[in-house]
């Protein structure tokens, strides 16, 4: 969803409990503030698992009750994939999650102590201040078939990248050890070519196998190829 700066500012009111969470691999750190940036409570540390999320939820409810806040807004950096589980938990429990730009967090760290250092207690405060200032984005979390399609697309993109890397390695290997190969096979990924590479990857292996050996490989896999050009190399 796209909101203007004023619309984002108006969503943080006197009744809002703003919580900044520093996402970690195994542990998260949270700090709570009111709409003016005054801290409410102490730094809260919780694990990146179901038990930790339950403790975090209980801490939010306790703090909201003590400070008489009727709404909660949790802000976080989209750090890798480590925030996915927390986002899913918050959505299931109707707790609003917004995301801040990691670049903005990095640039704003020096406002309080004139130092760009990163600490588990400092980042949640910086994140909260960005949320209070309306410098956040509302993340659309896909569900059902849309979530499955997104996962499938990510898997496909990863597999394509890995295949390209493997193809480049094979091409390099052929240029070094078998430069004549492409004079016979224009595409090394052809079935007949892959059978040869898996059985006789080097020129010396081809010579050792001879025409009969190469022919046997193809015939066993029900391929019929003219060997004259290939064996001549």
C-alpha atoms as a PDB file:
ATOM      1  CA  UNK A   1       0.000   0.000   0.000  1.00  0.00           C
ATOM      2  CA  UNK A   2       1.173   3.531  -0.785  1.00  0.00           C
ATOM      3  CA  UNK A   3       0.498   6.300   1.733  1.00  0.00           C
ATOM      4  CA  UNK A   4       1.568   9.922   1.664  1.00  0.00           C
ATOM      5  CA  UNK A   5       3.902  11.233   4.358  1.00  0.00           C
ATOM      6  CA  UNK A   6       0.996  13.000   6.084  1.00  0.00           C
ATOM      7  CA  UNK A   7      -1.132   9.849   6.060  1.00  0.00           C
ATOM      8  CA  UNK A   8       1.695   7.887   7.663  1.00  0.00           C
ATOM      9  CA  UNK A   9       2.184  10.567  10.330  1.00  0.00           C
ATOM     10  CA  UNK A  10      -1.537  10.604  11.116  1.00  0.00           C
ATOM     11  CA  UNK A  11      -1.497   6.867  11.797  1.00  0.00           C
ATOM     12  CA  UNK A  12       0.784   7.398  14.804  1.00  0.00           C
ATOM     13  CA  UNK A  13      -1.342   9.057  17.478  1.00  0.00           C
ATOM     14  CA  UNK A  14      -1.297   9.569  21.237  1.00  0.00           C
ATOM     15  CA  UNK A  15      -2.986   6.167  21.537  1.00  0.00           C
ATOM     16  CA  UNK A  16      -0.277   4.346  19.573  1.00  0.00           C
ATOM     17  CA  UNK A  17       2.405   2.192  21.124  1.00  0.00           C
ATOM     18  CA  UNK A  18       5.326   2.274  18.684  1.00  0.00           C
ATOM     19  CA  UNK A  19       7.746  -0.649  18.955  1.00  0.00           C
ATOM     20  CA  UNK A  20      11.024  -0.907  17.092  1.00  0.00           C
ATOM     21  CA  UNK A  21      12.501  -4.380  16.610  1.00  0.00           C
ATOM     22  CA  UNK A  22      16.080  -5.121  15.655  1.00  0.00           C
ATOM     23  CA  UNK A  23      15.890  -8.394  13.716  1.00  0.00           C
ATOM     24  CA  UNK A  24      18.596 -10.961  14.398  1.00  0.00           C
ATOM     25  CA  UNK A  25      19.316 -14.485  13.248  1.00  0.00           C
ATOM     26  CA  UNK A  26      18.317 -16.112  16.530  1.00  0.00           C
ATOM     27  CA  UNK A  27      17.427 -13.230  18.875  1.00  0.00           C
ATOM     28  CA  UNK A  28      15.438 -10.021  18.376  1.00  0.00           C
ATOM     29  CA  UNK A  29      15.564  -6.842  20.477  1.00  0.00           C
ATOM     30  CA  UNK A  30      12.601  -4.505  20.958  1.00  0.00           C
ATOM     31  CA  UNK A  31      12.031  -1.064  22.477  1.00  0.00           C
ATOM     32  CA  UNK A  32       8.735   0.783  22.895  1.00  0.00           C
ATOM     33  CA  UNK A  33       7.962   4.489  22.556  1.00  0.00           C
ATOM     34  CA  UNK A  34       4.983   6.807  22.499  1.00  0.00           C
ATOM     35  CA  UNK A  35       4.153   9.154  19.616  1.00  0.00           C
ATOM     36  CA  UNK A  36       6.512  11.830  21.003  1.00  0.00           C
ATOM     37  CA  UNK A  37       9.493   9.476  21.117  1.00  0.00           C
ATOM     38  CA  UNK A  38       9.492   8.982  24.883  1.00  0.00           C
ATOM     39  CA  UNK A  39      10.572   5.462  25.769  1.00  0.00           C
ATOM     40  CA  UNK A  40       8.137   3.219  27.603  1.00  0.00           C
ATOM     41  CA  UNK A  41       9.708   0.311  29.470  1.00  0.00           C
ATOM     42  CA  UNK A  42      13.084  -1.323  28.930  1.00  0.00           C
ATOM     43  CA  UNK A  43      14.759  -3.206  26.098  1.00  0.00           C
ATOM     44  CA  UNK A  44      13.053  -6.550  25.538  1.00  0.00           C
ATOM     45  CA  UNK A  45      14.963  -9.544  24.158  1.00  0.00           C
ATOM     46  CA  UNK A  46      13.135 -12.501  22.611  1.00  0.00           C
ATOM     47  CA  UNK A  47      14.006 -15.548  20.512  1.00  0.00           C
ATOM     48  CA  UNK A  48      13.183 -15.972  16.842  1.00  0.00           C
ATOM     49  CA  UNK A  49      10.774 -18.860  17.450  1.00  0.00           C
ATOM     50  CA  UNK A  50       7.206 -19.521  18.574  1.00  0.00           C
ATOM     51  CA  UNK A  51       8.007 -19.310  22.277  1.00  0.00           C
ATOM     52  CA  UNK A  52       9.873 -16.043  21.816  1.00  0.00           C
ATOM     53  CA  UNK A  53       7.033 -14.547  19.784  1.00  0.00           C
ATOM     54  CA  UNK A  54       4.585 -15.499  22.521  1.00  0.00           C
ATOM     55  CA  UNK A  55       6.739 -13.732  25.117  1.00  0.00           C
ATOM     56  CA  UNK A  56       6.985 -10.693  22.853  1.00  0.00           C
ATOM     57  CA  UNK A  57       3.204 -10.627  22.449  1.00  0.00           C
ATOM     58  CA  UNK A  58       2.704 -10.831  26.220  1.00  0.00           C
ATOM     59  CA  UNK A  59       5.196  -7.997  26.726  1.00  0.00           C
ATOM     60  CA  UNK A  60       3.307  -5.836  24.228  1.00  0.00           C
ATOM     61  CA  UNK A  61      -0.050  -6.455  25.921  1.00  0.00           C
ATOM     62  CA  UNK A  62       1.360  -5.745  29.373  1.00  0.00           C
ATOM     63  CA  UNK A  63       3.040  -2.544  28.227  1.00  0.00           C
ATOM     64  CA  UNK A  64      -0.035  -1.377  26.308  1.00  0.00           C
ATOM     65  CA  UNK A  65      -2.163  -1.929  29.416  1.00  0.00           C
ATOM     66  CA  UNK A  66       0.215  -0.041  31.693  1.00  0.00           C
ATOM     67  CA  UNK A  67       0.504   2.918  29.316  1.00  0.00           C
ATOM     68  CA  UNK A  68      -3.162   2.943  28.258  1.00  0.00           C
ATOM     69  CA  UNK A  69      -2.414   2.486  24.561  1.00  0.00           C
ATOM     70  CA  UNK A  70      -5.172   1.154  22.351  1.00  0.00           C
ATOM     71  CA  UNK A  71      -3.149   0.466  19.195  1.00  0.00           C
ATOM     72  CA  UNK A  72       0.238  -1.048  18.460  1.00  0.00           C
ATOM     73  CA  UNK A  73       2.587  -0.486  15.538  1.00  0.00           C
ATOM     74  CA  UNK A  74       5.709  -2.619  15.223  1.00  0.00           C
ATOM     75  CA  UNK A  75       8.531  -1.397  13.019  1.00  0.00           C
ATOM     76  CA  UNK A  76      11.429  -3.478  11.740  1.00  0.00           C
ATOM     77  CA  UNK A  77      14.130  -3.663   9.079  1.00  0.00           C
ATOM     78  CA  UNK A  78      13.565  -6.317   6.378  1.00  0.00           C
ATOM     79  CA  UNK A  79      16.788  -8.150   7.261  1.00  0.00           C
ATOM     80  CA  UNK A  80      17.177 -11.056   4.839  1.00  0.00           C
ATOM     81  CA  UNK A  81      14.570 -13.726   5.516  1.00  0.00           C
ATOM     82  CA  UNK A  82      14.874 -13.601   9.303  1.00  0.00           C
ATOM     83  CA  UNK A  83      11.838 -11.343   9.728  1.00  0.00           C
ATOM     84  CA  UNK A  84       9.409 -13.634   7.863  1.00  0.00           C
ATOM     85  CA  UNK A  85       8.424 -15.737  10.888  1.00  0.00           C
ATOM     86  CA  UNK A  86       7.845 -12.697  13.104  1.00  0.00           C
ATOM     87  CA  UNK A  87       5.799 -11.011  10.378  1.00  0.00           C
ATOM     88  CA  UNK A  88       3.611 -14.091  10.015  1.00  0.00           C
ATOM     89  CA  UNK A  89       3.054 -14.276  13.781  1.00  0.00           C
ATOM     90  CA  UNK A  90       2.150 -10.590  14.047  1.00  0.00           C
ATOM     91  CA  UNK A  91      -0.285 -10.869  11.141  1.00  0.00           C
ATOM     92  CA  UNK A  92      -1.982 -13.880  12.736  1.00  0.00           C
ATOM     93  CA  UNK A  93      -2.439 -11.877  15.945  1.00  0.00           C
ATOM     94  CA  UNK A  94      -3.650  -8.671  14.241  1.00  0.00           C
ATOM     95  CA  UNK A  95      -0.588  -6.657  15.230  1.00  0.00           C
ATOM     96  CA  UNK A  96       0.415  -4.162  12.598  1.00  0.00           C
ATOM     97  CA  UNK A  97       3.929  -4.451  11.168  1.00  0.00           C
ATOM     98  CA  UNK A  98       5.627  -1.760   9.090  1.00  0.00           C
ATOM     99  CA  UNK A  99       9.077  -1.828   7.545  1.00  0.00           C
ATOM    100  CA  UNK A 100      11.754   0.851   7.485  1.00  0.00           C
ATOM    101  CA  UNK A 101      14.496   1.245   4.916  1.00  0.00           C
ATOM    102  CA  UNK A 102      17.844  -0.193   6.179  1.00  0.00           C
ATOM    103  CA  UNK A 103      19.619   2.722   4.487  1.00  0.00           C
ATOM    104  CA  UNK A 104      17.570   5.193   6.536  1.00  0.00           C
ATOM    105  CA  UNK A 105      18.432   3.324   9.734  1.00  0.00           C
ATOM    106  CA  UNK A 106      22.114   3.473   8.857  1.00  0.00           C
ATOM    107  CA  UNK A 107      21.968   7.206   8.143  1.00  0.00           C
ATOM    108  CA  UNK A 108      20.025   8.062  11.327  1.00  0.00           C
ATOM    109  CA  UNK A 109      22.152   6.151  13.848  1.00  0.00           C
ATOM    110  CA  UNK A 110      24.316   9.167  14.636  1.00  0.00           C
ATOM    111  CA  UNK A 111      21.429  11.434  15.676  1.00  0.00           C
ATOM    112  CA  UNK A 112      21.482  10.365  19.345  1.00  0.00           C
ATOM    113  CA  UNK A 113      25.162   9.748  20.121  1.00  0.00           C
ATOM    114  CA  UNK A 114      27.079  11.120  17.120  1.00  0.00           C
ATOM    115  CA  UNK A 115      28.408   7.636  16.410  1.00  0.00           C
ATOM    116  CA  UNK A 116      27.492   5.256  13.563  1.00  0.00           C
ATOM    117  CA  UNK A 117      27.917   2.143  15.702  1.00  0.00           C
ATOM    118  CA  UNK A 118      25.345  -0.651  15.653  1.00  0.00           C
ATOM    119  CA  UNK A 119      24.095  -2.171  18.902  1.00  0.00           C
ATOM    120  CA  UNK A 120      21.163  -4.386  19.820  1.00  0.00           C
ATOM    121  CA  UNK A 121      19.612  -1.622  21.911  1.00  0.00           C
ATOM    122  CA  UNK A 122      20.393   1.304  19.611  1.00  0.00           C
ATOM    123  CA  UNK A 123      18.829   0.069  16.384  1.00  0.00           C
ATOM    124  CA  UNK A 124      15.313  -0.523  17.831  1.00  0.00           C
ATOM    125  CA  UNK A 125      15.251   3.094  18.972  1.00  0.00           C
ATOM    126  CA  UNK A 126      16.327   4.373  15.557  1.00  0.00           C
ATOM    127  CA  UNK A 127      13.686   2.204  13.887  1.00  0.00           C
ATOM    128  CA  UNK A 128      10.984   3.495  16.248  1.00  0.00           C
ATOM    129  CA  UNK A 129      11.922   7.114  15.554  1.00  0.00           C
ATOM    130  CA  UNK A 130      11.637   6.498  11.808  1.00  0.00           C
ATOM    131  CA  UNK A 131       8.172   4.990  12.305  1.00  0.00           C
ATOM    132  CA  UNK A 132       7.094   7.965  14.434  1.00  0.00           C
ATOM    133  CA  UNK A 133       8.319  10.308  11.680  1.00  0.00           C
ATOM    134  CA  UNK A 134       6.252   8.418   9.116  1.00  0.00           C
ATOM    135  CA  UNK A 135       9.304   7.054   7.301  1.00  0.00           C
ATOM    136  CA  UNK A 136       8.091   3.506   6.833  1.00  0.00           C
ATOM    137  CA  UNK A 137       6.384   1.254   4.317  1.00  0.00           C
ATOM    138  CA  UNK A 138       3.394  -1.007   4.792  1.00  0.00           C
ATOM    139  CA  UNK A 139       4.356  -4.493   3.684  1.00  0.00           C
ATOM    140  CA  UNK A 140       1.878  -6.640   1.801  1.00  0.00           C
ATOM    141  CA  UNK A 141       2.300 -10.203   3.037  1.00  0.00           C
ATOM    142  CA  UNK A 142       1.079 -12.719   0.487  1.00  0.00           C
ATOM    143  CA  UNK A 143      -1.127 -15.583   1.578  1.00  0.00           C
ATOM    144  CA  UNK A 144      -2.454 -18.814   0.106  1.00  0.00           C
ATOM    145  CA  UNK A 145      -1.756 -19.456  -3.557  1.00  0.00           C
ATOM    146  CA  UNK A 146      -0.027 -16.074  -3.947  1.00  0.00           C
ATOM    147  CA  UNK A 147       2.508 -16.955  -1.257  1.00  0.00           C
ATOM    148  CA  UNK A 148       3.113 -20.335  -2.900  1.00  0.00           C
ATOM    149  CA  UNK A 149       3.615 -18.686  -6.294  1.00  0.00           C
ATOM    150  CA  UNK A 150       6.129 -16.251  -4.795  1.00  0.00           C
ATOM    151  CA  UNK A 151       8.078 -19.133  -3.251  1.00  0.00           C
ATOM    152  CA  UNK A 152       7.997 -21.020  -6.544  1.00  0.00           C
ATOM    153  CA  UNK A 153       9.268 -17.965  -8.429  1.00  0.00           C
ATOM    154  CA  UNK A 154      12.104 -17.478  -5.941  1.00  0.00           C
ATOM    155  CA  UNK A 155      13.080 -21.137  -6.298  1.00  0.00           C
ATOM    156  CA  UNK A 156      13.011 -20.882 -10.082  1.00  0.00           C
ATOM    157  CA  UNK A 157      15.191 -17.759 -10.082  1.00  0.00           C
ATOM    158  CA  UNK A 158      17.703 -19.438  -7.770  1.00  0.00           C
ATOM    159  CA  UNK A 159      17.837 -22.585  -9.923  1.00  0.00           C
ATOM    160  CA  UNK A 160      18.310 -20.522 -13.102  1.00  0.00           C
ATOM    161  CA  UNK A 161      21.224 -18.638 -11.509  1.00  0.00           C
ATOM    162  CA  UNK A 162      22.821 -21.899 -10.385  1.00  0.00           C
ATOM    163  CA  UNK A 163      22.416 -23.425 -13.862  1.00  0.00           C
ATOM    164  CA  UNK A 164      24.115 -20.431 -15.460  1.00  0.00           C
ATOM    165  CA  UNK A 165      27.053 -20.805 -13.069  1.00  0.00           C
ATOM    166  CA  UNK A 166      27.349 -24.523 -13.887  1.00  0.00           C
ATOM    167  CA  UNK A 167      27.108 -23.871 -17.638  1.00  0.00           C
ATOM    168  CA  UNK A 168      29.876 -21.281 -17.436  1.00  0.00           C
ATOM    169  CA  UNK A 169      32.090 -23.711 -15.514  1.00  0.00           C
ATOM    170  CA  UNK A 170      31.600 -26.416 -18.134  1.00  0.00           C
ATOM    171  CA  UNK A 171      32.310 -23.962 -20.971  1.00  0.00           C
ATOM    172  CA  UNK A 172      35.520 -22.885 -19.247  1.00  0.00           C
ATOM    173  CA  UNK A 173      36.539 -26.479 -18.693  1.00  0.00           C
ATOM    174  CA  UNK A 174      35.970 -27.315 -22.389  1.00  0.00           C
ATOM    175  CA  UNK A 175      37.987 -24.300 -23.547  1.00  0.00           C
ATOM    176  CA  UNK A 176      40.917 -25.434 -21.396  1.00  0.00           C
ATOM    177  CA  UNK A 177      40.900 -29.212 -21.855  1.00  0.00           C
ATOM    178  CA  UNK A 178      38.908 -29.896 -25.027  1.00  0.00           C
ATOM    179  CA  UNK A 179      39.002 -26.813 -27.325  1.00  0.00           C
ATOM    180  CA  UNK A 180      37.941 -28.874 -30.375  1.00  0.00           C
ATOM    181  CA  UNK A 181      34.712 -29.978 -28.736  1.00  0.00           C
ATOM    182  CA  UNK A 182      32.504 -27.211 -30.140  1.00  0.00           C
ATOM    183  CA  UNK A 183      33.638 -28.051 -33.662  1.00  0.00           C
ATOM    184  CA  UNK A 184      31.667 -31.268 -33.252  1.00  0.00           C
ATOM    185  CA  UNK A 185      28.880 -30.256 -30.876  1.00  0.00           C
ATOM    186  CA  UNK A 186      27.549 -26.733 -31.200  1.00  0.00           C
ATOM    187  CA  UNK A 187      25.600 -27.202 -27.983  1.00  0.00           C
ATOM    188  CA  UNK A 188      27.297 -29.196 -25.232  1.00  0.00           C
ATOM    189  CA  UNK A 189      23.892 -29.640 -23.557  1.00  0.00           C
ATOM    190  CA  UNK A 190      22.628 -31.880 -26.353  1.00  0.00           C
ATOM    191  CA  UNK A 191      21.823 -35.377 -25.138  1.00  0.00           C
ATOM    192  CA  UNK A 192      24.508 -36.997 -27.282  1.00  0.00           C
ATOM    193  CA  UNK A 193      27.084 -34.489 -26.000  1.00  0.00           C
ATOM    194  CA  UNK A 194      26.205 -34.967 -22.353  1.00  0.00           C
ATOM    195  CA  UNK A 195      26.535 -38.726 -22.724  1.00  0.00           C
ATOM    196  CA  UNK A 196      30.057 -38.259 -24.082  1.00  0.00           C
ATOM    197  CA  UNK A 197      31.068 -35.770 -21.384  1.00  0.00           C
ATOM    198  CA  UNK A 198      29.838 -38.030 -18.610  1.00  0.00           C
ATOM    199  CA  UNK A 199      31.691 -41.083 -19.960  1.00  0.00           C
ATOM    200  CA  UNK A 200      34.705 -39.683 -21.831  1.00  0.00           C
ATOM    201  CA  UNK A 201      35.313 -36.095 -20.681  1.00  0.00           C
ATOM    202  CA  UNK A 202      38.884 -35.756 -22.032  1.00  0.00           C
ATOM    203  CA  UNK A 203      40.254 -36.153 -25.580  1.00  0.00           C
ATOM    204  CA  UNK A 204      42.448 -39.015 -24.367  1.00  0.00           C
ATOM    205  CA  UNK A 205      39.323 -40.751 -23.058  1.00  0.00           C
ATOM    206  CA  UNK A 206      37.668 -40.429 -26.468  1.00  0.00           C
ATOM    207  CA  UNK A 207      40.707 -41.894 -28.218  1.00  0.00           C
ATOM    208  CA  UNK A 208      40.875 -44.722 -25.702  1.00  0.00           C
ATOM    209  CA  UNK A 209      37.187 -45.573 -26.152  1.00  0.00           C
ATOM    210  CA  UNK A 210      37.451 -45.430 -29.945  1.00  0.00           C
ATOM    211  CA  UNK A 211      34.588 -45.399 -32.393  1.00  0.00           C
ATOM    212  CA  UNK A 212      33.171 -48.644 -31.067  1.00  0.00           C
ATOM    213  CA  UNK A 213      33.147 -47.386 -27.478  1.00  0.00           C
ATOM    214  CA  UNK A 214      31.488 -44.071 -28.375  1.00  0.00           C
ATOM    215  CA  UNK A 215      28.970 -45.865 -30.569  1.00  0.00           C
ATOM    216  CA  UNK A 216      28.199 -48.260 -27.753  1.00  0.00           C
ATOM    217  CA  UNK A 217      27.476 -45.343 -25.378  1.00  0.00           C
ATOM    218  CA  UNK A 218      24.995 -43.841 -27.814  1.00  0.00           C
ATOM    219  CA  UNK A 219      23.381 -47.135 -28.796  1.00  0.00           C
ATOM    220  CA  UNK A 220      22.847 -48.081 -25.164  1.00  0.00           C
ATOM    221  CA  UNK A 221      20.887 -44.837 -24.840  1.00  0.00           C
ATOM    222  CA  UNK A 222      19.131 -45.386 -28.180  1.00  0.00           C
ATOM    223  CA  UNK A 223      20.939 -42.628 -30.079  1.00  0.00           C
ATOM    224  CA  UNK A 224      22.247 -42.875 -33.646  1.00  0.00           C
ATOM    225  CA  UNK A 225      25.043 -40.393 -34.430  1.00  0.00           C
ATOM    226  CA  UNK A 226      27.586 -40.184 -37.254  1.00  0.00           C
ATOM    227  CA  UNK A 227      30.971 -40.811 -35.610  1.00  0.00           C
ATOM    228  CA  UNK A 228      33.272 -39.852 -38.479  1.00  0.00           C
ATOM    229  CA  UNK A 229      33.578 -36.159 -37.665  1.00  0.00           C
ATOM    230  CA  UNK A 230      33.817 -36.679 -33.931  1.00  0.00           C
ATOM    231  CA  UNK A 231      36.488 -39.396 -33.915  1.00  0.00           C
ATOM    232  CA  UNK A 232      38.637 -37.492 -36.413  1.00  0.00           C
ATOM    233  CA  UNK A 233      39.489 -35.046 -33.687  1.00  0.00           C
END
